[in-house]
Amino acid sequence: MADFRTAILSAGYGVVQGVSMTVAKNLGSASLSATVPVYDRVSGETVDVAVELSWTATGSAKSIDAPFVLPTDEATVSGSFSGKARPASAAGSLSGVGIEHGDGSAAASIQSVKAGVVFIG
């Protein structure tokens, strides 16, 4: 987390609670609202971080089929994802600090997929 008034940076982690997420049936848009209680390892305090995100499709839906195999020393994990995905731009805020993504520097997408995973080991 960052306090921009004093330029103090800290690191923390949390588990998402109270998530509200909607996705349009045509994958044209999606939104997410959640509160994440984040434990700040530097201060030792827990702070509720409000997360508000929205995605807007920037292209047409494409079919995806992505099989995978992940061998480890203990087991082999294999599976696949299949469904539809649309490229998108994303924007939102974390506790009121505005963030944006959609300039092409990294991928954002809206997806509707089915997944199957098998563990052998």
N, C-alpha and C. Protein backbone atom coordinates (compact mmCIF):
# COMPACT_ATOMS: atom_id res chain seq x y z
N MET A 1 0.85 -1.16 0.00
CA MET A 1 0.00 0.00 0.00
C MET A 1 0.89 1.23 0.00
N ALA A 2 0.38 2.33 -0.47
CA ALA A 2 1.21 3.53 -0.55
C ALA A 2 0.47 4.71 0.06
N ASP A 3 1.19 5.51 0.80
CA ASP A 3 0.68 6.77 1.30
C ASP A 3 1.41 7.85 0.52
N PHE A 4 0.74 8.42 -0.48
CA PHE A 4 1.40 9.34 -1.40
C PHE A 4 1.73 10.68 -0.75
N ARG A 5 1.12 10.98 0.40
CA ARG A 5 1.44 12.24 1.07
C ARG A 5 2.81 12.17 1.73
N THR A 6 3.20 11.00 2.20
CA THR A 6 4.49 10.88 2.89
C THR A 6 5.46 9.97 2.16
N ALA A 7 5.03 9.41 1.02
CA ALA A 7 5.86 8.53 0.20
C ALA A 7 6.37 7.32 0.99
N ILE A 8 5.54 6.81 1.89
CA ILE A 8 5.88 5.60 2.63
C ILE A 8 5.24 4.42 1.90
N LEU A 9 6.05 3.46 1.53
CA LEU A 9 5.54 2.27 0.86
C LEU A 9 5.55 1.12 1.85
N SER A 10 4.52 0.30 1.79
CA SER A 10 4.48 -0.88 2.64
C SER A 10 3.92 -2.04 1.85
N ALA A 11 4.04 -3.23 2.38
CA ALA A 11 3.58 -4.44 1.69
C ALA A 11 2.57 -5.14 2.57
N GLY A 12 1.57 -5.74 1.95
CA GLY A 12 0.56 -6.44 2.72
C GLY A 12 -0.14 -7.48 1.89
N TYR A 13 -1.10 -8.16 2.51
CA TYR A 13 -1.87 -9.19 1.82
C TYR A 13 -3.24 -9.27 2.47
N GLY A 14 -4.19 -9.88 1.76
CA GLY A 14 -5.54 -10.01 2.31
C GLY A 14 -6.35 -11.01 1.52
N VAL A 15 -7.51 -11.34 2.06
CA VAL A 15 -8.45 -12.27 1.43
C VAL A 15 -9.71 -11.50 1.07
N VAL A 16 -10.15 -11.65 -0.17
CA VAL A 16 -11.33 -10.91 -0.64
C VAL A 16 -12.58 -11.41 0.07
N GLN A 17 -13.40 -10.45 0.53
CA GLN A 17 -14.69 -10.77 1.16
C GLN A 17 -15.75 -9.90 0.53
N GLY A 18 -16.98 -10.35 0.55
CA GLY A 18 -18.10 -9.54 0.07
C GLY A 18 -17.96 -9.09 -1.36
N VAL A 19 -17.68 -10.02 -2.27
CA VAL A 19 -17.47 -9.69 -3.68
C VAL A 19 -18.81 -9.61 -4.40
N SER A 20 -18.98 -8.57 -5.20
CA SER A 20 -20.12 -8.46 -6.09
C SER A 20 -19.55 -8.33 -7.50
N MET A 21 -19.86 -9.30 -8.37
CA MET A 21 -19.34 -9.27 -9.73
C MET A 21 -20.46 -9.54 -10.72
N THR A 22 -20.50 -8.75 -11.78
CA THR A 22 -21.47 -8.97 -12.85
C THR A 22 -20.73 -9.03 -14.18
N VAL A 23 -21.22 -9.88 -15.07
CA VAL A 23 -20.66 -10.01 -16.42
C VAL A 23 -21.84 -10.05 -17.39
N ALA A 24 -21.81 -9.19 -18.41
CA ALA A 24 -22.87 -9.19 -19.42
C ALA A 24 -22.85 -10.50 -20.19
N LYS A 25 -24.02 -11.01 -20.55
CA LYS A 25 -24.10 -12.29 -21.27
C LYS A 25 -23.31 -12.28 -22.57
N ASN A 26 -23.23 -11.13 -23.24
CA ASN A 26 -22.48 -11.04 -24.49
C ASN A 26 -21.01 -10.70 -24.25
N LEU A 27 -20.59 -10.67 -22.98
CA LEU A 27 -19.22 -10.35 -22.57
C LEU A 27 -18.80 -8.94 -22.98
N GLY A 28 -19.78 -8.04 -23.16
CA GLY A 28 -19.48 -6.67 -23.55
C GLY A 28 -18.97 -5.81 -22.40
N SER A 29 -19.29 -6.22 -21.17
CA SER A 29 -18.84 -5.45 -20.01
C SER A 29 -18.86 -6.34 -18.77
N ALA A 30 -18.13 -5.90 -17.76
CA ALA A 30 -18.12 -6.60 -16.48
C ALA A 30 -17.75 -5.59 -15.40
N SER A 31 -18.15 -5.88 -14.16
CA SER A 31 -17.77 -5.01 -13.05
C SER A 31 -17.58 -5.84 -11.80
N LEU A 32 -16.75 -5.33 -10.91
CA LEU A 32 -16.45 -6.01 -9.66
C LEU A 32 -16.35 -4.97 -8.56
N SER A 33 -16.95 -5.28 -7.41
CA SER A 33 -16.87 -4.43 -6.23
C SER A 33 -16.57 -5.35 -5.05
N ALA A 34 -15.57 -5.00 -4.25
CA ALA A 34 -15.20 -5.85 -3.12
C ALA A 34 -14.49 -5.02 -2.06
N THR A 35 -14.47 -5.56 -0.86
CA THR A 35 -13.67 -5.00 0.23
C THR A 35 -12.66 -6.06 0.64
N VAL A 36 -11.39 -5.67 0.67
CA VAL A 36 -10.32 -6.60 1.02
C VAL A 36 -9.66 -6.11 2.30
N PRO A 37 -9.78 -6.87 3.40
CA PRO A 37 -9.04 -6.49 4.60
C PRO A 37 -7.57 -6.87 4.40
N VAL A 38 -6.71 -5.88 4.29
CA VAL A 38 -5.30 -6.11 3.98
C VAL A 38 -4.46 -5.92 5.24
N TYR A 39 -3.70 -6.95 5.57
CA TYR A 39 -2.77 -6.86 6.69
C TYR A 39 -1.49 -6.21 6.20
N ASP A 40 -1.14 -5.07 6.77
CA ASP A 40 0.06 -4.33 6.40
C ASP A 40 1.22 -4.83 7.26
N ARG A 41 2.18 -5.51 6.64
CA ARG A 41 3.30 -6.10 7.38
C ARG A 41 4.21 -5.06 7.99
N VAL A 42 4.22 -3.85 7.45
CA VAL A 42 5.10 -2.81 7.99
C VAL A 42 4.51 -2.21 9.26
N SER A 43 3.23 -1.81 9.22
CA SER A 43 2.62 -1.16 10.38
C SER A 43 2.01 -2.16 11.36
N GLY A 44 1.73 -3.39 10.88
CA GLY A 44 1.08 -4.38 11.73
C GLY A 44 -0.42 -4.18 11.86
N GLU A 45 -0.98 -3.28 11.07
CA GLU A 45 -2.41 -2.98 11.12
C GLU A 45 -3.14 -3.63 9.95
N THR A 46 -4.43 -3.86 10.12
CA THR A 46 -5.28 -4.33 9.03
C THR A 46 -6.13 -3.16 8.56
N VAL A 47 -6.14 -2.94 7.26
CA VAL A 47 -6.86 -1.83 6.66
C VAL A 47 -7.81 -2.38 5.61
N ASP A 48 -9.07 -1.94 5.62
CA ASP A 48 -10.02 -2.34 4.58
C ASP A 48 -9.74 -1.53 3.32
N VAL A 49 -9.49 -2.25 2.21
CA VAL A 49 -9.25 -1.61 0.92
C VAL A 49 -10.47 -1.86 0.04
N ALA A 50 -11.09 -0.80 -0.41
CA ALA A 50 -12.23 -0.91 -1.32
C ALA A 50 -11.71 -1.06 -2.74
N VAL A 51 -12.23 -2.05 -3.46
CA VAL A 51 -11.82 -2.32 -4.84
C VAL A 51 -13.03 -2.16 -5.75
N GLU A 52 -12.92 -1.30 -6.74
CA GLU A 52 -13.96 -1.09 -7.74
C GLU A 52 -13.32 -1.22 -9.10
N LEU A 53 -13.75 -2.17 -9.91
CA LEU A 53 -13.18 -2.40 -11.24
C LEU A 53 -14.29 -2.52 -12.27
N SER A 54 -13.98 -2.09 -13.49
CA SER A 54 -14.91 -2.29 -14.59
C SER A 54 -14.13 -2.61 -15.86
N TRP A 55 -14.70 -3.46 -16.67
CA TRP A 55 -14.10 -3.86 -17.95
C TRP A 55 -15.09 -3.52 -19.05
N THR A 56 -14.57 -3.03 -20.18
CA THR A 56 -15.39 -2.75 -21.36
C THR A 56 -14.74 -3.43 -22.56
N ALA A 57 -15.50 -4.25 -23.24
CA ALA A 57 -14.97 -4.99 -24.40
C ALA A 57 -14.50 -4.02 -25.47
N THR A 58 -13.37 -4.35 -26.09
CA THR A 58 -12.81 -3.51 -27.16
C THR A 58 -12.76 -4.25 -28.50
N GLY A 59 -13.23 -5.48 -28.52
CA GLY A 59 -13.21 -6.28 -29.74
C GLY A 59 -14.27 -7.36 -29.68
N SER A 60 -14.32 -8.17 -30.70
CA SER A 60 -15.34 -9.22 -30.78
C SER A 60 -14.92 -10.45 -29.98
N ALA A 61 -15.92 -11.27 -29.64
CA ALA A 61 -15.67 -12.50 -28.88
C ALA A 61 -15.00 -13.54 -29.77
N LYS A 62 -14.07 -14.25 -29.19
CA LYS A 62 -13.36 -15.33 -29.89
C LYS A 62 -13.49 -16.60 -29.05
N SER A 63 -13.54 -17.74 -29.72
CA SER A 63 -13.54 -19.03 -29.01
C SER A 63 -12.14 -19.32 -28.51
N ILE A 64 -12.06 -19.88 -27.31
CA ILE A 64 -10.76 -20.28 -26.77
C ILE A 64 -10.82 -21.74 -26.35
N ASP A 65 -9.73 -22.43 -26.53
CA ASP A 65 -9.57 -23.81 -26.09
C ASP A 65 -8.11 -23.96 -25.70
N ALA A 66 -7.85 -24.08 -24.41
CA ALA A 66 -6.47 -24.06 -23.92
C ALA A 66 -6.18 -25.27 -23.04
N PRO A 67 -5.72 -26.36 -23.63
CA PRO A 67 -5.32 -27.50 -22.81
C PRO A 67 -3.96 -27.22 -22.17
N PHE A 68 -3.71 -27.85 -21.02
CA PHE A 68 -2.41 -27.68 -20.37
C PHE A 68 -2.02 -28.96 -19.62
N VAL A 69 -0.72 -29.13 -19.43
CA VAL A 69 -0.15 -30.22 -18.61
C VAL A 69 0.95 -29.60 -17.77
N LEU A 70 0.90 -29.85 -16.46
CA LEU A 70 1.89 -29.31 -15.53
C LEU A 70 2.46 -30.46 -14.71
N PRO A 71 3.60 -31.03 -15.16
CA PRO A 71 4.21 -32.11 -14.38
C PRO A 71 5.00 -31.53 -13.19
N THR A 72 4.88 -32.16 -12.04
CA THR A 72 5.65 -31.79 -10.86
C THR A 72 6.31 -33.05 -10.31
N ASP A 73 7.13 -32.91 -9.29
CA ASP A 73 7.76 -34.07 -8.66
C ASP A 73 6.73 -34.97 -7.98
N GLU A 74 5.63 -34.39 -7.51
CA GLU A 74 4.62 -35.12 -6.75
C GLU A 74 3.47 -35.67 -7.60
N ALA A 75 3.12 -34.96 -8.66
CA ALA A 75 1.95 -35.34 -9.45
C ALA A 75 1.99 -34.65 -10.81
N THR A 76 1.10 -35.08 -11.67
CA THR A 76 0.90 -34.40 -12.95
C THR A 76 -0.50 -33.79 -12.93
N VAL A 77 -0.58 -32.52 -13.27
CA VAL A 77 -1.85 -31.83 -13.33
C VAL A 77 -2.12 -31.54 -14.80
N SER A 78 -3.28 -31.96 -15.27
CA SER A 78 -3.65 -31.66 -16.66
C SER A 78 -5.09 -31.20 -16.70
N GLY A 79 -5.41 -30.45 -17.73
CA GLY A 79 -6.77 -29.95 -17.86
C GLY A 79 -6.91 -29.08 -19.07
N SER A 80 -8.04 -28.38 -19.13
CA SER A 80 -8.27 -27.46 -20.24
C SER A 80 -9.28 -26.40 -19.84
N PHE A 81 -9.23 -25.29 -20.56
CA PHE A 81 -10.20 -24.22 -20.45
C PHE A 81 -10.81 -24.05 -21.83
N SER A 82 -12.13 -23.90 -21.90
CA SER A 82 -12.75 -23.62 -23.19
C SER A 82 -13.93 -22.69 -22.99
N GLY A 83 -14.18 -21.87 -23.98
CA GLY A 83 -15.29 -20.92 -23.91
C GLY A 83 -15.09 -19.77 -24.86
N LYS A 84 -15.48 -18.57 -24.43
CA LYS A 84 -15.38 -17.35 -25.24
C LYS A 84 -14.63 -16.29 -24.45
N ALA A 85 -13.93 -15.42 -25.17
CA ALA A 85 -13.22 -14.30 -24.54
C ALA A 85 -13.27 -13.10 -25.47
N ARG A 86 -13.32 -11.91 -24.87
CA ARG A 86 -13.28 -10.66 -25.63
C ARG A 86 -12.17 -9.78 -25.08
N PRO A 87 -11.35 -9.17 -25.94
CA PRO A 87 -10.37 -8.21 -25.43
C PRO A 87 -11.11 -7.04 -24.80
N ALA A 88 -10.50 -6.43 -23.79
CA ALA A 88 -11.19 -5.37 -23.06
C ALA A 88 -10.20 -4.35 -22.52
N SER A 89 -10.74 -3.21 -22.14
CA SER A 89 -9.98 -2.24 -21.34
C SER A 89 -10.53 -2.33 -19.93
N ALA A 90 -9.70 -2.02 -18.95
CA ALA A 90 -10.12 -2.10 -17.56
C ALA A 90 -9.78 -0.80 -16.85
N ALA A 91 -10.63 -0.40 -15.93
CA ALA A 91 -10.39 0.80 -15.12
C ALA A 91 -10.99 0.57 -13.75
N GLY A 92 -10.49 1.29 -12.77
CA GLY A 92 -11.05 1.14 -11.45
C GLY A 92 -10.32 1.93 -10.40
N SER A 93 -10.60 1.59 -9.15
CA SER A 93 -9.96 2.29 -8.04
C SER A 93 -9.72 1.33 -6.88
N LEU A 94 -8.70 1.64 -6.12
CA LEU A 94 -8.39 0.94 -4.87
C LEU A 94 -8.47 1.99 -3.78
N SER A 95 -9.45 1.90 -2.90
CA SER A 95 -9.65 2.87 -1.82
C SER A 95 -9.60 4.30 -2.32
N GLY A 96 -10.14 4.53 -3.52
CA GLY A 96 -10.24 5.88 -4.03
C GLY A 96 -9.06 6.37 -4.84
N VAL A 97 -7.96 5.61 -4.90
CA VAL A 97 -6.82 5.99 -5.72
C VAL A 97 -7.08 5.44 -7.12
N GLY A 98 -7.28 6.30 -8.11
CA GLY A 98 -7.66 5.86 -9.45
C GLY A 98 -6.58 5.04 -10.12
N ILE A 99 -6.98 3.97 -10.80
CA ILE A 99 -6.08 3.15 -11.61
C ILE A 99 -6.74 2.94 -12.96
N GLU A 100 -5.94 2.77 -13.98
CA GLU A 100 -6.48 2.49 -15.30
C GLU A 100 -5.59 1.52 -16.04
N HIS A 101 -6.20 0.71 -16.88
CA HIS A 101 -5.46 -0.20 -17.74
C HIS A 101 -6.24 -0.30 -19.04
N GLY A 102 -5.58 -0.35 -20.12
CA GLY A 102 -6.26 -0.45 -21.41
C GLY A 102 -5.46 0.22 -22.50
N ASP A 103 -4.24 0.60 -22.18
CA ASP A 103 -3.39 1.28 -23.15
C ASP A 103 -2.62 0.31 -24.04
N GLY A 104 -2.89 -0.99 -23.91
CA GLY A 104 -2.21 -1.97 -24.74
C GLY A 104 -0.93 -2.49 -24.12
N SER A 105 -0.56 -2.01 -22.94
CA SER A 105 0.70 -2.46 -22.33
C SER A 105 0.60 -3.85 -21.72
N ALA A 106 -0.59 -4.31 -21.43
CA ALA A 106 -0.81 -5.65 -20.90
C ALA A 106 -2.21 -6.09 -21.30
N ALA A 107 -2.47 -7.37 -21.23
CA ALA A 107 -3.75 -7.89 -21.70
C ALA A 107 -4.84 -7.78 -20.64
N ALA A 108 -6.02 -7.36 -21.05
CA ALA A 108 -7.23 -7.42 -20.24
C ALA A 108 -8.26 -8.12 -21.09
N SER A 109 -9.13 -8.91 -20.47
CA SER A 109 -10.18 -9.57 -21.25
C SER A 109 -11.36 -9.90 -20.35
N ILE A 110 -12.49 -10.14 -21.00
CA ILE A 110 -13.70 -10.62 -20.33
C ILE A 110 -13.93 -12.01 -20.88
N GLN A 111 -14.07 -13.00 -19.98
CA GLN A 111 -14.15 -14.38 -20.42
C GLN A 111 -15.31 -15.12 -19.78
N SER A 112 -15.82 -16.09 -20.50
CA SER A 112 -16.77 -17.06 -19.98
C SER A 112 -16.21 -18.42 -20.37
N VAL A 113 -15.66 -19.14 -19.40
CA VAL A 113 -14.99 -20.41 -19.71
C VAL A 113 -15.44 -21.52 -18.77
N LYS A 114 -15.30 -22.73 -19.26
CA LYS A 114 -15.47 -23.92 -18.45
C LYS A 114 -14.09 -24.53 -18.29
N ALA A 115 -13.80 -25.04 -17.12
CA ALA A 115 -12.47 -25.60 -16.87
C ALA A 115 -12.63 -26.99 -16.27
N GLY A 116 -11.68 -27.84 -16.63
CA GLY A 116 -11.59 -29.16 -16.04
C GLY A 116 -10.15 -29.46 -15.70
N VAL A 117 -9.90 -30.01 -14.52
CA VAL A 117 -8.54 -30.28 -14.07
C VAL A 117 -8.49 -31.69 -13.49
N VAL A 118 -7.41 -32.40 -13.82
CA VAL A 118 -7.18 -33.76 -13.31
C VAL A 118 -5.81 -33.79 -12.63
N PHE A 119 -5.77 -34.32 -11.39
CA PHE A 119 -4.52 -34.51 -10.66
C PHE A 119 -4.18 -35.99 -10.66
N ILE A 120 -3.01 -36.36 -11.13
CA ILE A 120 -2.56 -37.76 -11.14
C ILE A 120 -1.25 -37.81 -10.37
N GLY A 121 -1.22 -38.58 -9.32
CA GLY A 121 0.03 -38.63 -8.57
C GLY A 121 -0.01 -39.46 -7.36
